[in-house]
């Protein structure tokens, strides 16, 4: 029983600490931070796959499958969001008006 309270206490402290750290990160550094967290999500996904491989009961297999499914979605979604964030930093190319007007003549 006490182990559950210790785990909950550690989780709460980690959540508060994580929130405070991320809140103080400048906006410019959010993209590299996301990229680094995607790497960690990949490691978590590998761990879920290993746990699923060692599952014996049906309940363990179901939880393992859910963990792998959600982990894969989390990692893939993180890379998609990071790519979109990187696109915002690329300079925009202006259209050439002379080529647009040639088609109408």
PDB file of N, CA and C in Angstrom:
ATOM      1  N   UNK A   1       0.816  -1.190   0.000  1.00  0.00           N
ATOM      2  CA  UNK A   1       0.000   0.000   0.000  1.00  0.00           C
ATOM      3  C   UNK A   1       0.862   1.258   0.000  1.00  0.00           C
ATOM      4  N   UNK A   2       1.898   1.265   0.812  1.00  0.00           N
ATOM      5  CA  UNK A   2       2.760   2.440   0.906  1.00  0.00           C
ATOM      6  C   UNK A   2       3.553   2.645  -0.387  1.00  0.00           C
ATOM      7  N   UNK A   3       3.843   1.544  -1.102  1.00  0.00           N
ATOM      8  CA  UNK A   3       4.565   1.675  -2.366  1.00  0.00           C
ATOM      9  C   UNK A   3       3.745   2.450  -3.392  1.00  0.00           C
ATOM     10  N   UNK A   4       2.439   2.277  -3.364  1.00  0.00           N
ATOM     11  CA  UNK A   4       1.569   3.026  -4.264  1.00  0.00           C
ATOM     12  C   UNK A   4       1.604   4.515  -3.981  1.00  0.00           C
ATOM     13  N   UNK A   5       1.642   4.878  -2.700  1.00  0.00           N
ATOM     14  CA  UNK A   5       1.725   6.291  -2.341  1.00  0.00           C
ATOM     15  C   UNK A   5       3.070   6.887  -2.746  1.00  0.00           C
ATOM     16  N   UNK A   6       4.125   6.120  -2.600  1.00  0.00           N
ATOM     17  CA  UNK A   6       5.452   6.600  -3.011  1.00  0.00           C
ATOM     18  C   UNK A   6       5.489   6.800  -4.520  1.00  0.00           C
ATOM     19  N   UNK A   7       4.925   5.854  -5.265  1.00  0.00           N
ATOM     20  CA  UNK A   7       4.880   5.988  -6.722  1.00  0.00           C
ATOM     21  C   UNK A   7       4.053   7.203  -7.133  1.00  0.00           C
ATOM     22  N   UNK A   8       2.925   7.417  -6.477  1.00  0.00           N
ATOM     23  CA  UNK A   8       2.087   8.578  -6.773  1.00  0.00           C
ATOM     24  C   UNK A   8       2.809   9.881  -6.430  1.00  0.00           C
ATOM     25  N   UNK A   9       3.534   9.894  -5.333  1.00  0.00           N
ATOM     26  CA  UNK A   9       4.306  11.066  -4.920  1.00  0.00           C
ATOM     27  C   UNK A   9       5.396  11.379  -5.944  1.00  0.00           C
ATOM     28  N   UNK A  10       6.113  10.358  -6.395  1.00  0.00           N
ATOM     29  CA  UNK A  10       7.166  10.557  -7.398  1.00  0.00           C
ATOM     30  C   UNK A  10       6.560  11.053  -8.705  1.00  0.00           C
ATOM     31  N   UNK A  11       5.418  10.493  -9.098  1.00  0.00           N
ATOM     32  CA  UNK A  11       4.749  10.931 -10.320  1.00  0.00           C
ATOM     33  C   UNK A  11       4.335  12.398 -10.221  1.00  0.00           C
ATOM     34  N   UNK A  12       3.771  12.791  -9.094  1.00  0.00           N
ATOM     35  CA  UNK A  12       3.344  14.178  -8.909  1.00  0.00           C
ATOM     36  C   UNK A  12       4.536  15.127  -8.938  1.00  0.00           C
ATOM     37  N   UNK A  13       5.617  14.750  -8.269  1.00  0.00           N
ATOM     38  CA  UNK A  13       6.818  15.595  -8.298  1.00  0.00           C
ATOM     39  C   UNK A  13       7.386  15.707  -9.706  1.00  0.00           C
ATOM     40  N   UNK A  14       7.412  14.605 -10.443  1.00  0.00           N
ATOM     41  CA  UNK A  14       7.923  14.631 -11.816  1.00  0.00           C
ATOM     42  C   UNK A  14       7.046  15.502 -12.707  1.00  0.00           C
ATOM     43  N   UNK A  15       5.735  15.439 -12.527  1.00  0.00           N
ATOM     44  CA  UNK A  15       4.827  16.260 -13.325  1.00  0.00           C
ATOM     45  C   UNK A  15       5.031  17.746 -13.039  1.00  0.00           C
ATOM     46  N   UNK A  16       5.141  18.100 -11.776  1.00  0.00           N
ATOM     47  CA  UNK A  16       5.351  19.507 -11.407  1.00  0.00           C
ATOM     48  C   UNK A  16       6.703  19.996 -11.911  1.00  0.00           C
ATOM     49  N   UNK A  17       7.736  19.206 -11.722  1.00  0.00           N
ATOM     50  CA  UNK A  17       9.072  19.582 -12.182  1.00  0.00           C
ATOM     51  C   UNK A  17       9.112  19.716 -13.702  1.00  0.00           C
ATOM     52  N   UNK A  18       8.506  18.768 -14.410  1.00  0.00           N
ATOM     53  CA  UNK A  18       8.465  18.837 -15.871  1.00  0.00           C
ATOM     54  C   UNK A  18       7.740  20.066 -16.363  1.00  0.00           C
ATOM     55  N   UNK A  19       6.626  20.396 -15.737  1.00  0.00           N
ATOM     56  CA  UNK A  19       5.871  21.586 -16.119  1.00  0.00           C
ATOM     57  C   UNK A  19       6.699  22.845 -15.912  1.00  0.00           C
ATOM     58  N   UNK A  20       7.373  22.947 -14.789  1.00  0.00           N
ATOM     59  CA  UNK A  20       8.179  24.132 -14.497  1.00  0.00           C
ATOM     60  C   UNK A  20       9.360  24.261 -15.459  1.00  0.00           C
ATOM     61  N   UNK A  21       9.977  23.145 -15.806  1.00  0.00           N
ATOM     62  CA  UNK A  21      11.122  23.194 -16.726  1.00  0.00           C
ATOM     63  C   UNK A  21      10.672  23.601 -18.118  1.00  0.00           C
ATOM     64  N   UNK A  22       9.618  22.983 -18.629  1.00  0.00           N
ATOM     65  CA  UNK A  22       9.135  23.280 -19.979  1.00  0.00           C
ATOM     66  C   UNK A  22       8.601  24.701 -20.066  1.00  0.00           C
ATOM     67  N   UNK A  23       7.997  25.184 -19.019  1.00  0.00           N
ATOM     68  CA  UNK A  23       7.428  26.533 -19.029  1.00  0.00           C
ATOM     69  C   UNK A  23       8.506  27.590 -19.215  1.00  0.00           C
ATOM     70  N   UNK A  24       9.714  27.315 -18.755  1.00  0.00           N
ATOM     71  CA  UNK A  24      10.785  28.304 -18.816  1.00  0.00           C
ATOM     72  C   UNK A  24      11.656  28.180 -20.064  1.00  0.00           C
ATOM     73  N   UNK A  25      11.342  27.243 -20.952  1.00  0.00           N
ATOM     74  CA  UNK A  25      12.116  27.076 -22.182  1.00  0.00           C
ATOM     75  C   UNK A  25      11.670  28.136 -23.186  1.00  0.00           C
ATOM     76  N   UNK A  26      12.627  28.852 -23.813  1.00  0.00           N
ATOM     77  CA  UNK A  26      12.245  29.845 -24.827  1.00  0.00           C
ATOM     78  C   UNK A  26      11.559  29.179 -26.025  1.00  0.00           C
ATOM     79  N   UNK A  27      10.704  29.927 -26.698  1.00  0.00           N
ATOM     80  CA  UNK A  27       9.929  29.397 -27.821  1.00  0.00           C
ATOM     81  C   UNK A  27      10.840  28.866 -28.926  1.00  0.00           C
ATOM     82  N   UNK A  28      11.973  29.504 -29.146  1.00  0.00           N
ATOM     83  CA  UNK A  28      12.892  29.095 -30.210  1.00  0.00           C
ATOM     84  C   UNK A  28      13.431  27.685 -29.972  1.00  0.00           C
ATOM     85  N   UNK A  29      13.519  27.276 -28.726  1.00  0.00           N
ATOM     86  CA  UNK A  29      14.086  25.967 -28.412  1.00  0.00           C
ATOM     87  C   UNK A  29      13.047  24.854 -28.328  1.00  0.00           C
ATOM     88  N   UNK A  30      11.789  25.136 -28.592  1.00  0.00           N
ATOM     89  CA  UNK A  30      10.771  24.094 -28.495  1.00  0.00           C
ATOM     90  C   UNK A  30      10.954  23.011 -29.555  1.00  0.00           C
ATOM     91  N   UNK A  31      11.377  23.379 -30.777  1.00  0.00           N
ATOM     92  CA  UNK A  31      11.558  22.371 -31.827  1.00  0.00           C
ATOM     93  C   UNK A  31      12.662  21.391 -31.478  1.00  0.00           C
ATOM     94  N   UNK A  32      13.863  21.834 -31.069  1.00  0.00           N
ATOM     95  CA  UNK A  32      14.873  20.841 -30.668  1.00  0.00           C
ATOM     96  C   UNK A  32      14.446  20.021 -29.457  1.00  0.00           C
ATOM     97  N   UNK A  33      13.691  20.621 -28.557  1.00  0.00           N
ATOM     98  CA  UNK A  33      13.202  19.888 -27.394  1.00  0.00           C
ATOM     99  C   UNK A  33      12.221  18.802 -27.819  1.00  0.00           C
ATOM    100  N   UNK A  34      11.356  19.108 -28.778  1.00  0.00           N
ATOM    101  CA  UNK A  34      10.420  18.102 -29.299  1.00  0.00           C
ATOM    102  C   UNK A  34      11.176  16.972 -29.977  1.00  0.00           C
ATOM    103  N   UNK A  35      12.209  17.322 -30.724  1.00  0.00           N
ATOM    104  CA  UNK A  35      12.987  16.297 -31.411  1.00  0.00           C
ATOM    105  C   UNK A  35      13.648  15.361 -30.406  1.00  0.00           C
ATOM    106  N   UNK A  36      14.166  15.906 -29.336  1.00  0.00           N
ATOM    107  CA  UNK A  36      14.779  15.071 -28.303  1.00  0.00           C
ATOM    108  C   UNK A  36      13.763  14.205 -27.589  1.00  0.00           C
ATOM    109  N   UNK A  37      12.574  14.746 -27.364  1.00  0.00           N
ATOM    110  CA  UNK A  37      11.550  13.938 -26.697  1.00  0.00           C
ATOM    111  C   UNK A  37      11.038  12.835 -27.612  1.00  0.00           C
ATOM    112  N   UNK A  38      11.064  13.055 -28.931  1.00  0.00           N
ATOM    113  CA  UNK A  38      10.686  11.988 -29.865  1.00  0.00           C
ATOM    114  C   UNK A  38      11.654  10.825 -29.769  1.00  0.00           C
ATOM    115  N   UNK A  39      12.918  11.113 -29.552  1.00  0.00           N
ATOM    116  CA  UNK A  39      13.915  10.055 -29.367  1.00  0.00           C
ATOM    117  C   UNK A  39      13.572   9.220 -28.133  1.00  0.00           C
ATOM    118  N   UNK A  40      13.198   9.883 -27.063  1.00  0.00           N
ATOM    119  CA  UNK A  40      12.825   9.176 -25.835  1.00  0.00           C
ATOM    120  C   UNK A  40      11.557   8.354 -26.063  1.00  0.00           C
ATOM    121  N   UNK A  41      10.610   8.878 -26.837  1.00  0.00           N
ATOM    122  CA  UNK A  41       9.386   8.131 -27.130  1.00  0.00           C
ATOM    123  C   UNK A  41       9.714   6.871 -27.922  1.00  0.00           C
ATOM    124  N   UNK A  42      10.716   6.949 -28.794  1.00  0.00           N
ATOM    125  CA  UNK A  42      11.147   5.757 -29.526  1.00  0.00           C
ATOM    126  C   UNK A  42      11.706   4.696 -28.598  1.00  0.00           C
ATOM    127  N   UNK A  43      12.451   5.121 -27.596  1.00  0.00           N
ATOM    128  CA  UNK A  43      12.997   4.170 -26.619  1.00  0.00           C
ATOM    129  C   UNK A  43      11.863   3.527 -25.824  1.00  0.00           C
ATOM    130  N   UNK A  44      10.869   4.319 -25.453  1.00  0.00           N
ATOM    131  CA  UNK A  44       9.708   3.783 -24.735  1.00  0.00           C
ATOM    132  C   UNK A  44       8.969   2.771 -25.612  1.00  0.00           C
ATOM    133  N   UNK A  45       8.873   3.058 -26.902  1.00  0.00           N
ATOM    134  CA  UNK A  45       8.218   2.132 -27.829  1.00  0.00           C
ATOM    135  C   UNK A  45       8.966   0.807 -27.903  1.00  0.00           C
ATOM    136  N   UNK A  46      10.286   0.863 -27.962  1.00  0.00           N
ATOM    137  CA  UNK A  46      11.083  -0.372 -27.974  1.00  0.00           C
ATOM    138  C   UNK A  46      10.871  -1.149 -26.676  1.00  0.00           C
ATOM    139  N   UNK A  47      10.827  -0.460 -25.554  1.00  0.00           N
ATOM    140  CA  UNK A  47      10.565  -1.119 -24.277  1.00  0.00           C
ATOM    141  C   UNK A  47       9.199  -1.782 -24.249  1.00  0.00           C
ATOM    142  N   UNK A  48       8.194  -1.129 -24.832  1.00  0.00           N
ATOM    143  CA  UNK A  48       6.853  -1.721 -24.889  1.00  0.00           C
ATOM    144  C   UNK A  48       6.847  -2.963 -25.765  1.00  0.00           C
ATOM    145  N   UNK A  49       7.614  -2.934 -26.856  1.00  0.00           N
ATOM    146  CA  UNK A  49       7.704  -4.116 -27.722  1.00  0.00           C
ATOM    147  C   UNK A  49       8.377  -5.280 -27.001  1.00  0.00           C
ATOM    148  N   UNK A  50       9.418  -4.974 -26.251  1.00  0.00           N
ATOM    149  CA  UNK A  50      10.105  -6.025 -25.489  1.00  0.00           C
ATOM    150  C   UNK A  50       9.171  -6.599 -24.425  1.00  0.00           C
ATOM    151  N   UNK A  51       8.439  -5.728 -23.740  1.00  0.00           N
ATOM    152  CA  UNK A  51       7.489  -6.198 -22.724  1.00  0.00           C
ATOM    153  C   UNK A  51       6.394  -7.048 -23.357  1.00  0.00           C
ATOM    154  N   UNK A  52       5.931  -6.646 -24.542  1.00  0.00           N
ATOM    155  CA  UNK A  52       4.912  -7.434 -25.235  1.00  0.00           C
ATOM    156  C   UNK A  52       5.459  -8.797 -25.637  1.00  0.00           C
ATOM    157  N   UNK A  53       6.723  -8.847 -26.017  1.00  0.00           N
ATOM    158  CA  UNK A  53       7.337 -10.120 -26.377  1.00  0.00           C
ATOM    159  C   UNK A  53       7.454 -11.078 -25.209  1.00  0.00           C
ATOM    160  N   UNK A  54       7.535 -10.553 -24.003  1.00  0.00           N
ATOM    161  CA  UNK A  54       7.660 -11.394 -22.807  1.00  0.00           C
ATOM    162  C   UNK A  54       6.315 -11.635 -22.113  1.00  0.00           C
ATOM    163  N   UNK A  55       5.226 -11.173 -22.706  1.00  0.00           N
ATOM    164  CA  UNK A  55       3.904 -11.325 -22.089  1.00  0.00           C
ATOM    165  C   UNK A  55       3.471 -12.786 -22.124  1.00  0.00           C
ATOM    166  N   UNK A  56       2.887 -13.239 -21.018  1.00  0.00           N
ATOM    167  CA  UNK A  56       2.434 -14.629 -20.917  1.00  0.00           C
ATOM    168  C   UNK A  56       0.914 -14.747 -20.936  1.00  0.00           C
ATOM    169  N   UNK A  57       0.247 -13.929 -20.157  1.00  0.00           N
ATOM    170  CA  UNK A  57      -1.209 -14.037 -20.064  1.00  0.00           C
ATOM    171  C   UNK A  57      -1.875 -13.165 -21.126  1.00  0.00           C
ATOM    172  N   UNK A  58      -3.145 -13.408 -21.338  1.00  0.00           N
ATOM    173  CA  UNK A  58      -3.903 -12.627 -22.317  1.00  0.00           C
ATOM    174  C   UNK A  58      -3.987 -11.164 -21.901  1.00  0.00           C
ATOM    175  N   UNK A  59      -4.174 -10.919 -20.617  1.00  0.00           N
ATOM    176  CA  UNK A  59      -4.258  -9.542 -20.127  1.00  0.00           C
ATOM    177  C   UNK A  59      -2.948  -8.795 -20.374  1.00  0.00           C
ATOM    178  N   UNK A  60      -1.817  -9.452 -20.135  1.00  0.00           N
ATOM    179  CA  UNK A  60      -0.515  -8.829 -20.396  1.00  0.00           C
ATOM    180  C   UNK A  60      -0.348  -8.534 -21.879  1.00  0.00           C
ATOM    181  N   UNK A  61      -0.813  -9.427 -22.730  1.00  0.00           N
ATOM    182  CA  UNK A  61      -0.707  -9.209 -24.179  1.00  0.00           C
ATOM    183  C   UNK A  61      -1.589  -8.045 -24.631  1.00  0.00           C
ATOM    184  N   UNK A  62      -2.773  -7.945 -24.051  1.00  0.00           N
ATOM    185  CA  UNK A  62      -3.670  -6.838 -24.406  1.00  0.00           C
ATOM    186  C   UNK A  62      -3.056  -5.504 -23.988  1.00  0.00           C
ATOM    187  N   UNK A  63      -2.576  -5.435 -22.740  1.00  0.00           N
ATOM    188  CA  UNK A  63      -1.940  -4.197 -22.283  1.00  0.00           C
ATOM    189  C   UNK A  63      -0.680  -3.894 -23.085  1.00  0.00           C
ATOM    190  N   UNK A  64       0.078  -4.916 -23.432  1.00  0.00           N
ATOM    191  CA  UNK A  64       1.280  -4.722 -24.241  1.00  0.00           C
ATOM    192  C   UNK A  64       0.951  -4.198 -25.623  1.00  0.00           C
ATOM    193  N   UNK A  65      -0.096  -4.755 -26.240  1.00  0.00           N
ATOM    194  CA  UNK A  65      -0.508  -4.283 -27.559  1.00  0.00           C
ATOM    195  C   UNK A  65      -0.961  -2.832 -27.498  1.00  0.00           C
ATOM    196  N   UNK A  66      -1.747  -2.504 -26.479  1.00  0.00           N
ATOM    197  CA  UNK A  66      -2.203  -1.116 -26.322  1.00  0.00           C
ATOM    198  C   UNK A  66      -1.006  -0.187 -26.129  1.00  0.00           C
ATOM    199  N   UNK A  67      -0.025  -0.612 -25.337  1.00  0.00           N
ATOM    200  CA  UNK A  67       1.168   0.211 -25.105  1.00  0.00           C
ATOM    201  C   UNK A  67       1.947   0.419 -26.394  1.00  0.00           C
ATOM    202  N   UNK A  68       2.114  -0.635 -27.186  1.00  0.00           N
ATOM    203  CA  UNK A  68       2.840  -0.506 -28.454  1.00  0.00           C
ATOM    204  C   UNK A  68       2.061   0.386 -29.416  1.00  0.00           C
ATOM    205  N   UNK A  69       0.763   0.197 -29.496  1.00  0.00           N
ATOM    206  CA  UNK A  69      -0.070   0.992 -30.397  1.00  0.00           C
ATOM    207  C   UNK A  69      -0.022   2.477 -30.033  1.00  0.00           C
ATOM    208  N   UNK A  70      -0.226   2.786 -28.764  1.00  0.00           N
ATOM    209  CA  UNK A  70      -0.200   4.188 -28.335  1.00  0.00           C
ATOM    210  C   UNK A  70       1.199   4.781 -28.428  1.00  0.00           C
ATOM    211  N   UNK A  71       2.221   3.991 -28.118  1.00  0.00           N
ATOM    212  CA  UNK A  71       3.596   4.474 -28.231  1.00  0.00           C
ATOM    213  C   UNK A  71       3.976   4.788 -29.663  1.00  0.00           C
ATOM    214  N   UNK A  72       3.555   3.930 -30.597  1.00  0.00           N
ATOM    215  CA  UNK A  72       3.845   4.181 -32.014  1.00  0.00           C
ATOM    216  C   UNK A  72       3.126   5.435 -32.500  1.00  0.00           C
ATOM    217  N   UNK A  73       1.878   5.585 -32.101  1.00  0.00           N
ATOM    218  CA  UNK A  73       1.141   6.792 -32.478  1.00  0.00           C
ATOM    219  C   UNK A  73       1.750   8.045 -31.886  1.00  0.00           C
ATOM    220  N   UNK A  74       2.220   7.955 -30.661  1.00  0.00           N
ATOM    221  CA  UNK A  74       2.850   9.093 -29.995  1.00  0.00           C
ATOM    222  C   UNK A  74       4.149   9.484 -30.695  1.00  0.00           C
ATOM    223  N   UNK A  75       4.976   8.503 -31.016  1.00  0.00           N
ATOM    224  CA  UNK A  75       6.250   8.787 -31.682  1.00  0.00           C
ATOM    225  C   UNK A  75       6.018   9.342 -33.085  1.00  0.00           C
ATOM    226  N   UNK A  76       5.129   8.718 -33.849  1.00  0.00           N
ATOM    227  CA  UNK A  76       4.858   9.187 -35.210  1.00  0.00           C
ATOM    228  C   UNK A  76       4.250  10.587 -35.193  1.00  0.00           C
ATOM    229  N   UNK A  77       3.305  10.816 -34.312  1.00  0.00           N
ATOM    230  CA  UNK A  77       2.703  12.145 -34.210  1.00  0.00           C
ATOM    231  C   UNK A  77       3.700  13.205 -33.794  1.00  0.00           C
ATOM    232  N   UNK A  78       4.631  12.833 -32.929  1.00  0.00           N
ATOM    233  CA  UNK A  78       5.668  13.778 -32.516  1.00  0.00           C
ATOM    234  C   UNK A  78       6.555  14.197 -33.672  1.00  0.00           C
ATOM    235  N   UNK A  79       6.899  13.232 -34.532  1.00  0.00           N
ATOM    236  CA  UNK A  79       7.721  13.572 -35.692  1.00  0.00           C
ATOM    237  C   UNK A  79       6.947  14.429 -36.689  1.00  0.00           C
ATOM    238  N   UNK A  80       5.661  14.188 -36.849  1.00  0.00           N
ATOM    239  CA  UNK A  80       4.845  15.009 -37.746  1.00  0.00           C
ATOM    240  C   UNK A  80       4.771  16.444 -37.227  1.00  0.00           C
ATOM    241  N   UNK A  81       4.539  16.601 -35.937  1.00  0.00           N
ATOM    242  CA  UNK A  81       4.456  17.944 -35.350  1.00  0.00           C
ATOM    243  C   UNK A  81       5.803  18.653 -35.443  1.00  0.00           C
ATOM    244  N   UNK A  82       6.901  17.928 -35.199  1.00  0.00           N
ATOM    245  CA  UNK A  82       8.231  18.532 -35.302  1.00  0.00           C
ATOM    246  C   UNK A  82       8.501  18.993 -36.726  1.00  0.00           C
ATOM    247  N   UNK A  83       8.106  18.190 -37.711  1.00  0.00           N
ATOM    248  CA  UNK A  83       8.293  18.572 -39.114  1.00  0.00           C
ATOM    249  C   UNK A  83       7.503  19.833 -39.445  1.00  0.00           C
ATOM    250  N   UNK A  84       6.295  19.925 -38.946  1.00  0.00           N
ATOM    251  CA  UNK A  84       5.489  21.127 -39.186  1.00  0.00           C
ATOM    252  C   UNK A  84       6.108  22.350 -38.514  1.00  0.00           C
ATOM    253  N   UNK A  85       6.678  22.154 -37.329  1.00  0.00           N
ATOM    254  CA  UNK A  85       7.325  23.272 -36.644  1.00  0.00           C
ATOM    255  C   UNK A  85       8.557  23.729 -37.421  1.00  0.00           C
ATOM    256  N   UNK A  86       9.309  22.786 -37.978  1.00  0.00           N
ATOM    257  CA  UNK A  86      10.487  23.152 -38.759  1.00  0.00           C
ATOM    258  C   UNK A  86      10.104  23.875 -40.043  1.00  0.00           C
ATOM    259  N   UNK A  87       8.966  23.531 -40.636  1.00  0.00           N
ATOM    260  CA  UNK A  87       8.497  24.214 -41.843  1.00  0.00           C
ATOM    261  C   UNK A  87       8.239  25.694 -41.575  1.00  0.00           C
ATOM    262  N   UNK A  88       7.871  26.041 -40.351  1.00  0.00           N
ATOM    263  CA  UNK A  88       7.602  27.437 -40.023  1.00  0.00           C
ATOM    264  C   UNK A  88       8.868  28.284 -40.078  1.00  0.00           C
ATOM    265  N   UNK A  89      10.045  27.670 -39.919  1.00  0.00           N
ATOM    266  CA  UNK A  89      11.288  28.427 -39.922  1.00  0.00           C
ATOM    267  C   UNK A  89      11.867  28.615 -41.317  1.00  0.00           C
ATOM    268  N   UNK A  90      11.348  27.904 -42.314  1.00  0.00           N
ATOM    269  CA  UNK A  90      11.860  28.043 -43.678  1.00  0.00           C
ATOM    270  C   UNK A  90      11.334  29.338 -44.284  1.00  0.00           C
ATOM    271  N   UNK A  91      12.179  30.017 -45.084  1.00  0.00           N
ATOM    272  CA  UNK A  91      11.706  31.252 -45.721  1.00  0.00           C
ATOM    273  C   UNK A  91      10.651  30.938 -46.780  1.00  0.00           C
ATOM    274  N   UNK A  92       9.686  31.808 -46.901  1.00  0.00           N
ATOM    275  CA  UNK A  92       8.620  31.615 -47.882  1.00  0.00           C
ATOM    276  C   UNK A  92       9.090  32.098 -49.242  1.00  0.00           C
ATOM    277  N   UNK A  93       8.744  31.358 -50.269  1.00  0.00           N
ATOM    278  CA  UNK A  93       9.110  31.714 -51.636  1.00  0.00           C
ATOM    279  C   UNK A  93       7.974  32.539 -52.221  1.00  0.00           C
ATOM    280  N   UNK A  94       8.330  33.719 -52.768  1.00  0.00           N
ATOM    281  CA  UNK A  94       7.319  34.580 -53.370  1.00  0.00           C
ATOM    282  C   UNK A  94       7.059  34.128 -54.798  1.00  0.00           C
ATOM    283  N   UNK A  95       5.779  34.180 -55.205  1.00  0.00           N
ATOM    284  CA  UNK A  95       5.416  33.814 -56.570  1.00  0.00           C
ATOM    285  C   UNK A  95       5.825  34.930 -57.515  1.00  0.00           C
ATOM    286  N   UNK A  96       6.227  34.546 -58.721  1.00  0.00           N
ATOM    287  CA  UNK A  96       6.596  35.509 -59.746  1.00  0.00           C
ATOM    288  C   UNK A  96       5.326  35.922 -60.484  1.00  0.00           C
ATOM    289  N   UNK A  97       4.949  37.200 -60.392  1.00  0.00           N
ATOM    290  CA  UNK A  97       3.701  37.680 -60.990  1.00  0.00           C
ATOM    291  C   UNK A  97       3.746  37.668 -62.511  1.00  0.00           C
ATOM    292  N   UNK A  98       4.924  37.792 -63.112  1.00  0.00           N
ATOM    293  CA  UNK A  98       5.015  37.841 -64.571  1.00  0.00           C
ATOM    294  C   UNK A  98       4.597  36.513 -65.196  1.00  0.00           C
ATOM    295  N   UNK A  99       4.884  35.399 -64.569  1.00  0.00           N
ATOM    296  CA  UNK A  99       4.496  34.100 -65.118  1.00  0.00           C
ATOM    297  C   UNK A  99       3.000  33.871 -64.957  1.00  0.00           C
ATOM    298  N   UNK A 100       2.407  34.397 -63.916  1.00  0.00           N
ATOM    299  CA  UNK A 100       0.966  34.245 -63.720  1.00  0.00           C
ATOM    300  C   UNK A 100       0.183  35.018 -64.777  1.00  0.00           C
ATOM    301  N   UNK A 101       0.683  36.181 -65.187  1.00  0.00           N
ATOM    302  CA  UNK A 101      -0.015  37.015 -66.161  1.00  0.00           C
ATOM    303  C   UNK A 101       0.133  36.492 -67.581  1.00  0.00           C
ATOM    304  N   UNK A 102       1.160  35.716 -67.885  1.00  0.00           N
ATOM    305  CA  UNK A 102       1.375  35.208 -69.243  1.00  0.00           C
ATOM    306  C   UNK A 102       0.294  34.212 -69.639  1.00  0.00           C
ATOM    307  N   UNK A 103      -0.203  33.442 -68.716  1.00  0.00           N
ATOM    308  CA  UNK A 103      -1.229  32.448 -69.028  1.00  0.00           C
ATOM    309  C   UNK A 103      -2.558  33.094 -69.397  1.00  0.00           C
ATOM    310  N   UNK A 104      -2.822  34.298 -68.946  1.00  0.00           N
ATOM    311  CA  UNK A 104      -4.103  34.956 -69.201  1.00  0.00           C
ATOM    312  C   UNK A 104      -4.137  35.726 -70.504  1.00  0.00           C
ATOM    313  N   UNK A 105      -3.023  35.897 -71.217  1.00  0.00           N
ATOM    314  CA  UNK A 105      -3.003  36.716 -72.438  1.00  0.00           C
ATOM    315  C   UNK A 105      -3.437  35.982 -73.636  1.00  0.00           C
TER     316      UNK A 105
END
